Protein backbone atom coordinates (compact mmCIF):
# COMPACT_ATOMS: atom_id res chain seq x y z
CA MET A 1 24.25 -19.00 -25.15
CA ASN A 2 24.21 -17.79 -21.53
CA ASN A 3 25.34 -14.26 -22.39
CA LEU A 4 22.45 -12.07 -21.27
CA ASP A 5 22.71 -8.34 -21.58
CA PRO A 6 22.71 -6.91 -18.02
CA PHE A 7 20.98 -3.72 -19.11
CA LEU A 8 18.18 -5.72 -20.71
CA CYS A 9 17.76 -7.86 -17.59
CA ILE A 10 17.57 -4.82 -15.30
CA THR A 11 15.10 -3.12 -17.62
CA LEU A 12 12.86 -6.20 -17.76
CA VAL A 13 12.89 -6.54 -13.96
CA PHE A 14 12.02 -2.84 -13.59
CA ILE A 15 9.14 -3.12 -16.08
CA ALA A 16 7.82 -6.27 -14.36
CA TYR A 17 7.98 -4.52 -10.96
CA PHE A 18 6.11 -1.48 -12.30
CA ILE A 19 3.42 -3.70 -13.87
CA LEU A 20 3.06 -5.52 -10.53
CA LEU A 21 2.51 -2.17 -8.76
CA ILE A 22 -0.16 -1.23 -11.31
CA ILE A 23 -1.93 -4.58 -10.78
CA ILE A 24 -1.86 -4.09 -7.00
CA LYS A 25 -3.44 -0.65 -7.41
CA LYS A 26 -6.00 -1.87 -9.95
CA PHE A 27 -7.23 -4.70 -7.70
CA ASN A 28 -7.17 -2.48 -4.56
CA ILE A 29 -4.83 -4.79 -2.63
CA GLY A 30 -4.10 -3.22 0.75
CA LYS A 31 -6.64 -0.42 0.31
CA LYS A 32 -8.76 0.87 3.18
CA ILE A 33 -11.87 -1.23 3.79
CA SER A 34 -15.29 0.30 4.42
CA CYS A 35 -17.92 -1.45 6.50
CA LYS A 36 -21.23 -0.58 8.11
CA ASN A 37 -19.53 0.96 11.18
CA CYS A 38 -16.94 3.24 9.56
CA ASP A 39 -14.97 4.13 6.43
CA ASN A 40 -11.70 2.56 7.59
CA CYS A 41 -12.23 -0.86 9.16
CA CYS A 42 -9.93 -3.53 10.53
CA PRO A 43 -9.55 -6.43 8.07
CA TYR A 44 -10.16 -8.96 10.87
CA CYS A 45 -12.74 -7.63 13.34
CA GLU A 46 -14.31 -4.78 11.30
CA GLU A 47 -13.78 -2.21 14.06
CA ALA A 48 -12.47 1.30 13.41
CA LEU A 49 -8.75 1.76 12.83
CA GLU A 50 -6.73 4.60 14.34
CA ARG A 51 -3.74 6.28 12.74
CA ILE A 52 -0.41 5.78 14.45
CA LYS A 53 3.06 7.17 13.75
CA ARG A 54 4.84 5.75 10.72
CA LEU A 55 8.03 3.77 11.11
CA LYS A 56 11.19 4.50 9.13
CA LYS A 57 10.63 1.37 7.06
CA ASP A 58 7.20 2.75 6.05
CA TYR A 59 8.85 5.78 4.45
CA LEU A 60 11.23 3.47 2.59
CA PHE A 61 8.28 1.35 1.46
CA ASN A 62 6.56 4.47 0.11
CA TYR A 63 9.66 5.39 -1.90
CA LEU A 64 10.09 1.85 -3.23
CA THR A 65 6.51 1.96 -4.55
CA PHE A 66 7.18 5.34 -6.23
CA GLN A 67 4.69 6.95 -3.81
CA MET A 68 1.81 5.55 -5.87
CA PHE A 69 -0.14 4.48 -2.80
CA ASP A 70 0.56 6.95 0.05
CA PHE A 71 0.61 4.24 2.70
CA LYS A 72 -0.34 5.19 6.25
CA ARG A 73 0.08 3.07 9.39
CA TYR A 74 -3.04 2.07 11.33
CA LYS A 75 -3.78 0.08 14.46
CA CYS A 76 -6.97 -1.62 15.60
CA MET A 77 -7.73 -0.90 19.24
CA ASN A 78 -9.98 -3.96 19.44
CA CYS A 79 -7.80 -6.83 18.16
CA ALA A 80 -4.35 -5.09 18.06
CA TRP A 81 -3.94 -5.54 14.28
CA GLU A 82 -1.33 -3.11 12.96
CA GLY A 83 -0.34 -2.43 9.39
CA LEU A 84 -0.27 -0.21 6.34
CA LYS A 85 -3.31 0.83 4.35
CA TRP A 86 -3.71 3.21 1.44
CA GLY A 87 -6.68 5.13 0.19
CA LYS A 88 -7.71 7.74 -2.28
CA PRO A 89 -5.89 11.00 -1.53
CA PHE A 90 -8.02 13.84 -0.23
CA SER A 91 -8.57 16.36 -3.01
CA GLY A 92 -10.36 19.06 -0.99
CA ASN A 93 -12.94 19.62 -3.75
CA PHE A 94 -16.62 19.30 -3.01
């Protein structure tokens, strides 16, 4: 009764993970926040965020999410918040 097919288990986990990524993207979890001051605001103090250099773990995180989000690292110069945010990629079309 406890004989589960390992291939089936791995496939179900992969499908559940992919569905979770789609839900995160659909509900804009971790996306850049716009406010009255700027287009990329701090989630705590609503001041402008500045881009900083990515860490090695950020590149790994991008690969683990199949590069669906294009995360970039930001830092708030007002409250020292630091983290990853993603936004709509720039298309260059007007």
